[in-house]
Amino acid sequence: NNKLQKDGKITATITVKNTGNYTGAEVVQLYTRDLVGSITRPVKELKAFQKITLEAGESKDVVFEVTEEMLRFWNAKNQFVSEAGDFLLFIGTNSRDVKTVDFVLQANK
């Protein structure tokens, strides 16, 4: 598992290639899922996106930085917090066609 410290970050990179014959634009999206939380959370939460333009046949690396702040939510006590535990990270051009990796948000020491 990848580990994210509360004051750290994880870098996620995906390579996107234009396999068409024309220049095109694409929106690359980053979603997270909290696998176990104190309240029910969405299966996928959009956390970041980048719009890129690719020439025909061109490839680009798209880089996202994931921080603890991106994982915060309003809990049942109306506090804006993150909770240590297991997460999934999804990157793709839509919410279904994604690459997935798991990571752990570690508790404060």
Protein backbone atom coordinates (compact mmCIF):
# COMPACT_ATOMS: atom_id res chain seq x y z
CA ASN A 1 0.00 0.00 0.00
CA ASN A 2 0.99 3.59 -0.62
CA LYS A 3 1.01 5.66 2.56
CA LEU A 4 -0.09 9.27 2.93
CA GLN A 5 1.02 11.10 6.06
CA LYS A 6 -1.36 13.81 7.33
CA ASP A 7 1.21 16.48 6.42
CA GLY A 8 2.43 14.77 3.24
CA LYS A 9 1.31 14.12 -0.31
CA ILE A 10 1.07 11.35 -2.87
CA THR A 11 1.89 12.06 -6.51
CA ALA A 12 -0.28 10.25 -9.05
CA THR A 13 0.71 10.27 -12.73
CA ILE A 14 -1.09 8.92 -15.78
CA THR A 15 -0.02 9.03 -19.42
CA VAL A 16 -2.71 10.10 -21.88
CA LYS A 17 -2.26 9.54 -25.63
CA ASN A 18 -4.23 10.95 -28.55
CA THR A 19 -4.64 7.95 -30.83
CA GLY A 20 -6.72 9.94 -33.31
CA ASN A 21 -5.79 11.82 -36.45
CA TYR A 22 -6.63 15.31 -35.17
CA THR A 23 -5.69 17.61 -32.30
CA GLY A 24 -8.06 17.08 -29.40
CA ALA A 25 -8.81 18.23 -25.88
CA GLU A 26 -9.40 15.90 -22.95
CA VAL A 27 -10.31 16.34 -19.30
CA VAL A 28 -8.41 14.01 -16.98
CA GLN A 29 -10.22 13.47 -13.68
CA LEU A 30 -9.07 12.33 -10.23
CA TYR A 31 -11.54 10.67 -7.84
CA THR A 32 -11.14 9.21 -4.36
CA ARG A 33 -13.13 6.72 -2.34
CA ASP A 34 -12.97 6.34 1.43
CA LEU A 35 -13.43 2.60 1.96
CA VAL A 36 -14.40 2.79 5.64
CA GLY A 37 -15.70 5.99 7.20
CA SER A 38 -17.76 7.16 10.15
CA ILE A 39 -20.54 8.18 7.74
CA THR A 40 -21.62 6.88 4.34
CA ARG A 41 -19.64 8.59 1.59
CA PRO A 42 -19.99 8.63 -2.21
CA VAL A 43 -18.44 5.73 -4.11
CA LYS A 44 -16.34 8.22 -6.10
CA GLU A 45 -15.71 11.84 -5.19
CA LEU A 46 -14.22 14.15 -7.84
CA LYS A 47 -11.23 15.85 -6.22
CA ALA A 48 -9.30 17.38 -9.12
CA PHE A 49 -9.21 17.61 -12.90
CA GLN A 50 -6.95 18.93 -15.64
CA LYS A 51 -7.87 19.89 -19.20
CA ILE A 52 -5.15 19.08 -21.71
CA THR A 53 -4.74 19.46 -25.47
CA LEU A 54 -2.96 16.76 -27.45
CA GLU A 55 -1.77 16.83 -31.05
CA ALA A 56 -2.50 13.74 -33.14
CA GLY A 57 -0.31 10.91 -31.83
CA GLU A 58 0.98 12.97 -28.88
CA SER A 59 1.29 11.61 -25.33
CA LYS A 60 1.38 13.65 -22.13
CA ASP A 61 1.91 12.79 -18.50
CA VAL A 62 -0.77 14.28 -16.27
CA VAL A 63 0.31 14.69 -12.64
CA PHE A 64 -1.91 15.14 -9.59
CA GLU A 65 -0.86 15.68 -5.99
CA VAL A 66 -3.13 14.14 -3.34
CA THR A 67 -3.03 15.68 0.12
CA GLU A 68 -4.86 15.02 3.37
CA GLU A 69 -6.87 18.22 2.88
CA MET A 70 -8.44 16.69 -0.27
CA LEU A 71 -9.86 13.85 1.87
CA ARG A 72 -11.73 16.00 4.38
CA PHE A 73 -15.50 15.89 4.75
CA TRP A 74 -18.23 17.05 7.14
CA ASN A 75 -18.74 14.34 9.74
CA ALA A 76 -21.82 13.63 11.87
CA LYS A 77 -20.63 16.20 14.44
CA ASN A 78 -20.48 18.90 11.74
CA GLN A 79 -16.67 18.91 11.83
CA PHE A 80 -14.59 19.20 8.64
CA VAL A 81 -12.14 16.33 9.14
CA SER A 82 -10.26 13.50 7.49
CA GLU A 83 -10.19 10.01 8.93
CA ALA A 84 -7.24 7.67 8.81
CA GLY A 85 -7.79 4.48 6.85
CA ASP A 86 -7.96 2.86 3.44
CA PHE A 87 -8.75 4.79 0.26
CA LEU A 88 -8.91 4.16 -3.46
CA LEU A 89 -7.67 6.67 -6.02
CA PHE A 90 -9.09 6.69 -9.54
CA ILE A 91 -7.71 8.60 -12.56
CA GLY A 92 -9.30 8.64 -15.99
CA THR A 93 -11.15 10.62 -18.62
CA ASN A 94 -14.52 9.76 -17.09
CA SER A 95 -15.78 8.17 -13.88
CA ARG A 96 -16.02 4.64 -15.35
CA ASP A 97 -12.85 4.20 -17.41
CA VAL A 98 -10.23 4.71 -14.73
CA LYS A 99 -6.93 3.39 -13.43
CA THR A 100 -7.15 2.51 -9.74
CA VAL A 101 -4.60 2.42 -6.91
CA ASP A 102 -5.05 2.03 -3.18
CA PHE A 103 -3.48 4.07 -0.41
CA VAL A 104 -3.69 4.51 3.35
CA LEU A 105 -4.14 7.84 5.13
CA GLN A 106 -2.11 7.39 8.28
CA ALA A 107 -3.19 8.67 11.68
CA ASN A 108 -1.24 11.40 13.43
CA LYS A 109 1.62 9.98 15.47
